[in-house]
Amino acid sequence: MARAARDLTTLLADQGLTHLSVTKRGNALTVVSGPDAHPEIRITASDGDSWRLEVADHRGRWEAAPFEGDLAELVEAALSIGRLEDT
């Protein structure tokens, strides 16, 4: 999971999203922003190299998004739905 967290951090940096950071807990990686570590997205391990995307609502509760794939695909999906933005 530590390697996946590093990979996700690199993918975010490659998109210019250096204001975001990644935390890990269990089988999930959470992308957070700001000094208060506001949750943006959560990527949860599925089968093999597959991951599922969840997005935080305005209260910080997780809602499933209709995306599954590798980490790069899920970063692209989160960008496409406006969940990750440059500050």
PDB file of N, CA and C in Angstrom:
ATOM      1  N   MET A   1       0.827  -1.192   0.000  1.00  0.00           N
ATOM      2  CA  MET A   1       0.000   0.000   0.000  1.00  0.00           C
ATOM      3  C   MET A   1       0.872   1.257   0.000  1.00  0.00           C
ATOM      4  N   ALA A   2       2.038   1.181   0.645  1.00  0.00           N
ATOM      5  CA  ALA A   2       2.933   2.337   0.668  1.00  0.00           C
ATOM      6  C   ALA A   2       3.408   2.682  -0.740  1.00  0.00           C
ATOM      7  N   ARG A   3       3.681   1.666  -1.537  1.00  0.00           N
ATOM      8  CA  ARG A   3       4.108   1.917  -2.923  1.00  0.00           C
ATOM      9  C   ARG A   3       2.983   2.572  -3.720  1.00  0.00           C
ATOM     10  N   ALA A   4       1.771   2.100  -3.546  1.00  0.00           N
ATOM     11  CA  ALA A   4       0.627   2.685  -4.247  1.00  0.00           C
ATOM     12  C   ALA A   4       0.446   4.150  -3.841  1.00  0.00           C
ATOM     13  N   ALA A   5       0.656   4.463  -2.569  1.00  0.00           N
ATOM     14  CA  ALA A   5       0.547   5.845  -2.097  1.00  0.00           C
ATOM     15  C   ALA A   5       1.606   6.718  -2.762  1.00  0.00           C
ATOM     16  N   ARG A   6       2.829   6.200  -2.885  1.00  0.00           N
ATOM     17  CA  ARG A   6       3.890   6.952  -3.573  1.00  0.00           C
ATOM     18  C   ARG A   6       3.547   7.137  -5.049  1.00  0.00           C
ATOM     19  N   ASP A   7       3.044   6.079  -5.679  1.00  0.00           N
ATOM     20  CA  ASP A   7       2.658   6.168  -7.091  1.00  0.00           C
ATOM     21  C   ASP A   7       1.556   7.201  -7.295  1.00  0.00           C
ATOM     22  N   LEU A   8       0.571   7.214  -6.418  1.00  0.00           N
ATOM     23  CA  LEU A   8      -0.521   8.172  -6.527  1.00  0.00           C
ATOM     24  C   LEU A   8      -0.007   9.598  -6.321  1.00  0.00           C
ATOM     25  N   THR A   9       0.873   9.794  -5.372  1.00  0.00           N
ATOM     26  CA  THR A   9       1.475  11.109  -5.148  1.00  0.00           C
ATOM     27  C   THR A   9       2.197  11.587  -6.404  1.00  0.00           C
ATOM     28  N   THR A  10       2.921  10.693  -7.058  1.00  0.00           N
ATOM     29  CA  THR A  10       3.631  11.029  -8.297  1.00  0.00           C
ATOM     30  C   THR A  10       2.649  11.379  -9.407  1.00  0.00           C
ATOM     31  N   LEU A  11       1.573  10.605  -9.544  1.00  0.00           N
ATOM     32  CA  LEU A  11       0.571  10.887 -10.569  1.00  0.00           C
ATOM     33  C   LEU A  11      -0.056  12.266 -10.357  1.00  0.00           C
ATOM     34  N   LEU A  12      -0.343  12.617  -9.125  1.00  0.00           N
ATOM     35  CA  LEU A  12      -0.910  13.931  -8.824  1.00  0.00           C
ATOM     36  C   LEU A  12       0.091  15.039  -9.160  1.00  0.00           C
ATOM     37  N   ALA A  13       1.342  14.840  -8.790  1.00  0.00           N
ATOM     38  CA  ALA A  13       2.382  15.840  -9.085  1.00  0.00           C
ATOM     39  C   ALA A  13       2.553  16.013 -10.588  1.00  0.00           C
ATOM     40  N   ASP A  14       2.463  14.925 -11.336  1.00  0.00           N
ATOM     41  CA  ASP A  14       2.579  14.992 -12.795  1.00  0.00           C
ATOM     42  C   ASP A  14       1.467  15.833 -13.412  1.00  0.00           C
ATOM     43  N   GLN A  15       0.342  15.943 -12.722  1.00  0.00           N
ATOM     44  CA  GLN A  15      -0.784  16.758 -13.173  1.00  0.00           C
ATOM     45  C   GLN A  15      -0.699  18.195 -12.626  1.00  0.00           C
ATOM     46  N   GLY A  16       0.370  18.502 -11.895  1.00  0.00           N
ATOM     47  CA  GLY A  16       0.529  19.824 -11.313  1.00  0.00           C
ATOM     48  C   GLY A  16      -0.258  20.020 -10.030  1.00  0.00           C
ATOM     49  N   LEU A  17      -0.716  18.935  -9.436  1.00  0.00           N
ATOM     50  CA  LEU A  17      -1.551  18.994  -8.244  1.00  0.00           C
ATOM     51  C   LEU A  17      -0.714  18.778  -6.977  1.00  0.00           C
ATOM     52  N   THR A  18       0.323  19.581  -6.846  1.00  0.00           N
ATOM     53  CA  THR A  18       1.258  19.406  -5.735  1.00  0.00           C
ATOM     54  C   THR A  18       0.689  19.888  -4.405  1.00  0.00           C
ATOM     55  N   HIS A  19      -0.452  20.573  -4.425  1.00  0.00           N
ATOM     56  CA  HIS A  19      -1.095  21.016  -3.185  1.00  0.00           C
ATOM     57  C   HIS A  19      -1.885  19.889  -2.518  1.00  0.00           C
ATOM     58  N   LEU A  20      -2.011  18.767  -3.212  1.00  0.00           N
ATOM     59  CA  LEU A  20      -2.734  17.617  -2.676  1.00  0.00           C
ATOM     60  C   LEU A  20      -1.756  16.635  -2.060  1.00  0.00           C
ATOM     61  N   SER A  21      -2.208  15.917  -1.050  1.00  0.00           N
ATOM     62  CA  SER A  21      -1.374  14.876  -0.456  1.00  0.00           C
ATOM     63  C   SER A  21      -2.195  13.598  -0.321  1.00  0.00           C
ATOM     64  N   VAL A  22      -1.496  12.510  -0.083  1.00  0.00           N
ATOM     65  CA  VAL A  22      -2.119  11.186  -0.016  1.00  0.00           C
ATOM     66  C   VAL A  22      -1.899  10.604   1.369  1.00  0.00           C
ATOM     67  N   THR A  23      -2.977  10.113   1.954  1.00  0.00           N
ATOM     68  CA  THR A  23      -2.877   9.374   3.205  1.00  0.00           C
ATOM     69  C   THR A  23      -3.351   7.953   2.936  1.00  0.00           C
ATOM     70  N   LYS A  24      -2.869   7.019   3.721  1.00  0.00           N
ATOM     71  CA  LYS A  24      -3.302   5.631   3.534  1.00  0.00           C
ATOM     72  C   LYS A  24      -3.863   5.097   4.834  1.00  0.00           C
ATOM     73  N   ARG A  25      -4.892   4.275   4.670  1.00  0.00           N
ATOM     74  CA  ARG A  25      -5.513   3.627   5.823  1.00  0.00           C
ATOM     75  C   ARG A  25      -6.149   2.337   5.322  1.00  0.00           C
ATOM     76  N   GLY A  26      -5.685   1.232   5.847  1.00  0.00           N
ATOM     77  CA  GLY A  26      -6.204  -0.055   5.393  1.00  0.00           C
ATOM     78  C   GLY A  26      -5.961  -0.231   3.909  1.00  0.00           C
ATOM     79  N   ASN A  27      -7.012  -0.542   3.163  1.00  0.00           N
ATOM     80  CA  ASN A  27      -6.867  -0.754   1.723  1.00  0.00           C
ATOM     81  C   ASN A  27      -7.297   0.468   0.922  1.00  0.00           C
ATOM     82  N   ALA A  28      -7.259   1.651   1.555  1.00  0.00           N
ATOM     83  CA  ALA A  28      -7.701   2.875   0.886  1.00  0.00           C
ATOM     84  C   ALA A  28      -6.620   3.951   0.902  1.00  0.00           C
ATOM     85  N   LEU A  29      -6.582   4.707  -0.197  1.00  0.00           N
ATOM     86  CA  LEU A  29      -5.734   5.884  -0.321  1.00  0.00           C
ATOM     87  C   LEU A  29      -6.653   7.087  -0.424  1.00  0.00           C
ATOM     88  N   THR A  30      -6.446   8.079   0.416  1.00  0.00           N
ATOM     89  CA  THR A  30      -7.281   9.264   0.415  1.00  0.00           C
ATOM     90  C   THR A  30      -6.459  10.454  -0.040  1.00  0.00           C
ATOM     91  N   VAL A  31      -6.991  11.193  -1.002  1.00  0.00           N
ATOM     92  CA  VAL A  31      -6.356  12.414  -1.475  1.00  0.00           C
ATOM     93  C   VAL A  31      -7.006  13.570  -0.721  1.00  0.00           C
ATOM     94  N   VAL A  32      -6.166  14.356  -0.040  1.00  0.00           N
ATOM     95  CA  VAL A  32      -6.646  15.452   0.784  1.00  0.00           C
ATOM     96  C   VAL A  32      -6.009  16.759   0.329  1.00  0.00           C
ATOM     97  N   SER A  33      -6.681  17.876   0.667  1.00  0.00           N
ATOM     98  CA  SER A  33      -6.150  19.189   0.313  1.00  0.00           C
ATOM     99  C   SER A  33      -6.182  20.115   1.518  1.00  0.00           C
ATOM    100  N   GLY A  34      -5.305  21.080   1.477  1.00  0.00           N
ATOM    101  CA  GLY A  34      -5.296  22.130   2.478  1.00  0.00           C
ATOM    102  C   GLY A  34      -4.728  21.726   3.813  1.00  0.00           C
ATOM    103  N   PRO A  35      -4.523  22.726   4.661  1.00  0.00           N
ATOM    104  CA  PRO A  35      -3.945  22.470   5.978  1.00  0.00           C
ATOM    105  C   PRO A  35      -4.862  21.647   6.886  1.00  0.00           C
ATOM    106  N   ASP A  36      -6.159  21.655   6.598  1.00  0.00           N
ATOM    107  CA  ASP A  36      -7.107  20.865   7.393  1.00  0.00           C
ATOM    108  C   ASP A  36      -7.274  19.456   6.862  1.00  0.00           C
ATOM    109  N   ALA A  37      -6.508  19.104   5.827  1.00  0.00           N
ATOM    110  CA  ALA A  37      -6.574  17.777   5.201  1.00  0.00           C
ATOM    111  C   ALA A  37      -8.006  17.430   4.795  1.00  0.00           C
ATOM    112  N   HIS A  38      -8.642  18.364   4.057  1.00  0.00           N
ATOM    113  CA  HIS A  38     -10.007  18.155   3.569  1.00  0.00           C
ATOM    114  C   HIS A  38     -10.020  17.018   2.543  1.00  0.00           C
ATOM    115  N   PRO A  39     -10.836  15.977   2.753  1.00  0.00           N
ATOM    116  CA  PRO A  39     -10.862  14.848   1.816  1.00  0.00           C
ATOM    117  C   PRO A  39     -11.463  15.243   0.465  1.00  0.00           C
ATOM    118  N   GLU A  40     -10.817  14.809  -0.601  1.00  0.00           N
ATOM    119  CA  GLU A  40     -11.288  15.071  -1.955  1.00  0.00           C
ATOM    120  C   GLU A  40     -11.808  13.785  -2.602  1.00  0.00           C
ATOM    121  N   ILE A  41     -10.927  12.791  -2.675  1.00  0.00           N
ATOM    122  CA  ILE A  41     -11.305  11.494  -3.240  1.00  0.00           C
ATOM    123  C   ILE A  41     -10.684  10.393  -2.400  1.00  0.00           C
ATOM    124  N   ARG A  42     -11.259   9.204  -2.530  1.00  0.00           N
ATOM    125  CA  ARG A  42     -10.688   8.012  -1.907  1.00  0.00           C
ATOM    126  C   ARG A  42     -10.628   6.944  -2.971  1.00  0.00           C
ATOM    127  N   ILE A  43      -9.504   6.281  -3.036  1.00  0.00           N
ATOM    128  CA  ILE A  43      -9.296   5.196  -3.985  1.00  0.00           C
ATOM    129  C   ILE A  43      -9.065   3.933  -3.162  1.00  0.00           C
ATOM    130  N   THR A  44      -9.938   2.956  -3.368  1.00  0.00           N
ATOM    131  CA  THR A  44      -9.919   1.741  -2.560  1.00  0.00           C
ATOM    132  C   THR A  44      -9.501   0.558  -3.415  1.00  0.00           C
ATOM    133  N   ALA A  45      -8.602  -0.261  -2.873  1.00  0.00           N
ATOM    134  CA  ALA A  45      -8.135  -1.446  -3.593  1.00  0.00           C
ATOM    135  C   ALA A  45      -9.294  -2.395  -3.838  1.00  0.00           C
ATOM    136  N   SER A  46      -9.316  -2.938  -5.043  1.00  0.00           N
ATOM    137  CA  SER A  46     -10.346  -3.903  -5.423  1.00  0.00           C
ATOM    138  C   SER A  46      -9.646  -5.234  -5.661  1.00  0.00           C
ATOM    139  N   ASP A  47      -9.686  -5.743  -6.873  1.00  0.00           N
ATOM    140  CA  ASP A  47      -9.024  -7.001  -7.214  1.00  0.00           C
ATOM    141  C   ASP A  47      -7.731  -6.749  -7.976  1.00  0.00           C
ATOM    142  N   GLY A  48      -6.656  -7.411  -7.586  1.00  0.00           N
ATOM    143  CA  GLY A  48      -5.387  -7.280  -8.303  1.00  0.00           C
ATOM    144  C   GLY A  48      -4.900  -5.846  -8.325  1.00  0.00           C
ATOM    145  N   ASP A  49      -4.717  -5.305  -9.535  1.00  0.00           N
ATOM    146  CA  ASP A  49      -4.271  -3.923  -9.699  1.00  0.00           C
ATOM    147  C   ASP A  49      -5.444  -2.966  -9.908  1.00  0.00           C
ATOM    148  N   SER A  50      -6.639  -3.421  -9.647  1.00  0.00           N
ATOM    149  CA  SER A  50      -7.830  -2.612  -9.864  1.00  0.00           C
ATOM    150  C   SER A  50      -8.202  -1.842  -8.596  1.00  0.00           C
ATOM    151  N   TRP A  51      -8.708  -0.625  -8.804  1.00  0.00           N
ATOM    152  CA  TRP A  51      -9.090   0.256  -7.714  1.00  0.00           C
ATOM    153  C   TRP A  51     -10.470   0.839  -8.001  1.00  0.00           C
ATOM    154  N   ARG A  52     -11.172   1.272  -6.953  1.00  0.00           N
ATOM    155  CA  ARG A  52     -12.480   1.925  -7.076  1.00  0.00           C
ATOM    156  C   ARG A  52     -12.368   3.361  -6.581  1.00  0.00           C
ATOM    157  N   LEU A  53     -13.109   4.258  -7.226  1.00  0.00           N
ATOM    158  CA  LEU A  53     -13.087   5.669  -6.871  1.00  0.00           C
ATOM    159  C   LEU A  53     -14.320   6.044  -6.064  1.00  0.00           C
ATOM    160  N   GLU A  54     -14.094   6.803  -4.997  1.00  0.00           N
ATOM    161  CA  GLU A  54     -15.176   7.382  -4.207  1.00  0.00           C
ATOM    162  C   GLU A  54     -14.892   8.873  -4.067  1.00  0.00           C
ATOM    163  N   VAL A  55     -15.939   9.672  -3.958  1.00  0.00           N
ATOM    164  CA  VAL A  55     -15.776  11.113  -3.805  1.00  0.00           C
ATOM    165  C   VAL A  55     -16.437  11.556  -2.498  1.00  0.00           C
ATOM    166  N   ALA A  56     -15.878  12.597  -1.915  1.00  0.00           N
ATOM    167  CA  ALA A  56     -16.436  13.124  -0.668  1.00  0.00           C
ATOM    168  C   ALA A  56     -17.525  14.138  -0.998  1.00  0.00           C
ATOM    169  N   ASP A  57     -18.648  14.043  -0.279  1.00  0.00           N
ATOM    170  CA  ASP A  57     -19.690  15.061  -0.449  1.00  0.00           C
ATOM    171  C   ASP A  57     -19.319  16.272   0.409  1.00  0.00           C
ATOM    172  N   HIS A  58     -20.186  17.266   0.454  1.00  0.00           N
ATOM    173  CA  HIS A  58     -19.873  18.503   1.176  1.00  0.00           C
ATOM    174  C   HIS A  58     -19.723  18.307   2.688  1.00  0.00           C
ATOM    175  N   ARG A  59     -20.174  17.173   3.202  1.00  0.00           N
ATOM    176  CA  ARG A  59     -20.011  16.874   4.631  1.00  0.00           C
ATOM    177  C   ARG A  59     -18.847  15.919   4.890  1.00  0.00           C
ATOM    178  N   GLY A  60     -18.141  15.537   3.825  1.00  0.00           N
ATOM    179  CA  GLY A  60     -17.008  14.624   3.971  1.00  0.00           C
ATOM    180  C   GLY A  60     -17.393  13.162   3.965  1.00  0.00           C
ATOM    181  N   ARG A  61     -18.643  12.853   3.615  1.00  0.00           N
ATOM    182  CA  ARG A  61     -19.076  11.454   3.526  1.00  0.00           C
ATOM    183  C   ARG A  61     -18.747  10.915   2.141  1.00  0.00           C
ATOM    184  N   TRP A  62     -18.396   9.645   2.106  1.00  0.00           N
ATOM    185  CA  TRP A  62     -17.969   9.032   0.849  1.00  0.00           C
ATOM    186  C   TRP A  62     -19.146   8.519   0.037  1.00  0.00           C
ATOM    187  N   GLU A  63     -19.085   8.824  -1.260  1.00  0.00           N
ATOM    188  CA  GLU A  63     -20.078   8.330  -2.203  1.00  0.00           C
ATOM    189  C   GLU A  63     -19.343   7.606  -3.321  1.00  0.00           C
ATOM    190  N   ALA A  64     -19.844   6.436  -3.695  1.00  0.00           N
ATOM    191  CA  ALA A  64     -19.225   5.668  -4.775  1.00  0.00           C
ATOM    192  C   ALA A  64     -19.373   6.415  -6.086  1.00  0.00           C
ATOM    193  N   ALA A  65     -18.311   6.420  -6.870  1.00  0.00           N
ATOM    194  CA  ALA A  65     -18.336   6.972  -8.226  1.00  0.00           C
ATOM    195  C   ALA A  65     -18.278   5.786  -9.186  1.00  0.00           C
ATOM    196  N   PRO A  66     -18.802   5.944 -10.393  1.00  0.00           N
ATOM    197  CA  PRO A  66     -18.865   4.806 -11.318  1.00  0.00           C
ATOM    198  C   PRO A  66     -17.561   4.551 -12.063  1.00  0.00           C
ATOM    199  N   PHE A  67     -16.449   4.563 -11.338  1.00  0.00           N
ATOM    200  CA  PHE A  67     -15.156   4.377 -11.988  1.00  0.00           C
ATOM    201  C   PHE A  67     -14.360   3.299 -11.272  1.00  0.00           C
ATOM    202  N   GLU A  68     -13.733   2.449 -12.052  1.00  0.00           N
ATOM    203  CA  GLU A  68     -12.833   1.422 -11.545  1.00  0.00           C
ATOM    204  C   GLU A  68     -11.703   1.279 -12.544  1.00  0.00           C
ATOM    205  N   GLY A  69     -10.491   1.076 -12.061  1.00  0.00           N
ATOM    206  CA  GLY A  69      -9.346   0.920 -12.952  1.00  0.00           C
ATOM    207  C   GLY A  69      -8.060   1.034 -12.177  1.00  0.00           C
ATOM    208  N   ASP A  70      -6.972   1.344 -12.919  1.00  0.00           N
ATOM    209  CA  ASP A  70      -5.694   1.528 -12.236  1.00  0.00           C
ATOM    210  C   ASP A  70      -5.621   2.959 -11.693  1.00  0.00           C
ATOM    211  N   LEU A  71      -4.576   3.262 -10.956  1.00  0.00           N
ATOM    212  CA  LEU A  71      -4.472   4.560 -10.302  1.00  0.00           C
ATOM    213  C   LEU A  71      -4.491   5.712 -11.303  1.00  0.00           C
ATOM    214  N   ALA A  72      -3.767   5.565 -12.399  1.00  0.00           N
ATOM    215  CA  ALA A  72      -3.718   6.631 -13.407  1.00  0.00           C
ATOM    216  C   ALA A  72      -5.102   6.889 -13.997  1.00  0.00           C
ATOM    217  N   GLU A  73      -5.840   5.827 -14.271  1.00  0.00           N
ATOM    218  CA  GLU A  73      -7.192   5.983 -14.823  1.00  0.00           C
ATOM    219  C   GLU A  73      -8.109   6.698 -13.835  1.00  0.00           C
ATOM    220  N   LEU A  74      -7.956   6.410 -12.571  1.00  0.00           N
ATOM    221  CA  LEU A  74      -8.828   7.027 -11.575  1.00  0.00           C
ATOM    222  C   LEU A  74      -8.467   8.487 -11.323  1.00  0.00           C
ATOM    223  N   VAL A  75      -7.197   8.839 -11.436  1.00  0.00           N
ATOM    224  CA  VAL A  75      -6.819  10.251 -11.359  1.00  0.00           C
ATOM    225  C   VAL A  75      -7.447  10.994 -12.535  1.00  0.00           C
ATOM    226  N   GLU A  76      -7.359  10.423 -13.724  1.00  0.00           N
ATOM    227  CA  GLU A  76      -7.975  11.040 -14.905  1.00  0.00           C
ATOM    228  C   GLU A  76      -9.490  11.159 -14.730  1.00  0.00           C
ATOM    229  N   ALA A  77     -10.122  10.126 -14.200  1.00  0.00           N
ATOM    230  CA  ALA A  77     -11.567  10.160 -13.977  1.00  0.00           C
ATOM    231  C   ALA A  77     -11.935  11.255 -12.980  1.00  0.00           C
ATOM    232  N   ALA A  78     -11.187  11.367 -11.894  1.00  0.00           N
ATOM    233  CA  ALA A  78     -11.461  12.393 -10.891  1.00  0.00           C
ATOM    234  C   ALA A  78     -11.283  13.794 -11.486  1.00  0.00           C
ATOM    235  N   LEU A  79     -10.275  13.963 -12.326  1.00  0.00           N
ATOM    236  CA  LEU A  79     -10.087  15.242 -13.008  1.00  0.00           C
ATOM    237  C   LEU A  79     -11.254  15.534 -13.934  1.00  0.00           C
ATOM    238  N   SER A  80     -11.721  14.520 -14.647  1.00  0.00           N
ATOM    239  CA  SER A  80     -12.784  14.719 -15.640  1.00  0.00           C
ATOM    240  C   SER A  80     -14.116  15.119 -14.999  1.00  0.00           C
ATOM    241  N   ILE A  81     -14.322  14.738 -13.749  1.00  0.00           N
ATOM    242  CA  ILE A  81     -15.572  15.112 -13.082  1.00  0.00           C
ATOM    243  C   ILE A  81     -15.378  16.313 -12.146  1.00  0.00           C
ATOM    244  N   GLY A  82     -14.202  16.952 -12.236  1.00  0.00           N
ATOM    245  CA  GLY A  82     -13.964  18.168 -11.470  1.00  0.00           C
ATOM    246  C   GLY A  82     -13.683  17.974  -9.998  1.00  0.00           C
ATOM    247  N   ARG A  83     -13.237  16.780  -9.611  1.00  0.00           N
ATOM    248  CA  ARG A  83     -12.972  16.524  -8.199  1.00  0.00           C
ATOM    249  C   ARG A  83     -11.569  16.917  -7.767  1.00  0.00           C
ATOM    250  N   LEU A  84     -10.673  17.059  -8.697  1.00  0.00           N
ATOM    251  CA  LEU A  84      -9.300  17.471  -8.372  1.00  0.00           C
ATOM    252  C   LEU A  84      -8.987  18.691  -9.215  1.00  0.00           C
ATOM    253  N   GLU A  85      -8.712  19.787  -8.559  1.00  0.00           N
ATOM    254  CA  GLU A  85      -8.437  21.012  -9.298  1.00  0.00           C
ATOM    255  C   GLU A  85      -7.194  21.671  -8.763  1.00  0.00           C
ATOM    256  N   ASP A  86      -6.531  22.379  -9.654  1.00  0.00           N
ATOM    257  CA  ASP A  86      -5.354  23.145  -9.263  1.00  0.00           C
ATOM    258  C   ASP A  86      -5.808  24.383  -8.495  1.00  0.00           C
ATOM    259  N   THR A  87      -5.073  24.727  -7.444  1.00  0.00           N
ATOM    260  CA  THR A  87      -5.441  25.921  -6.668  1.00  0.00           C
ATOM    261  C   THR A  87      -4.848  27.164  -7.276  1.00  0.00           C
TER     262      THR A  87
END
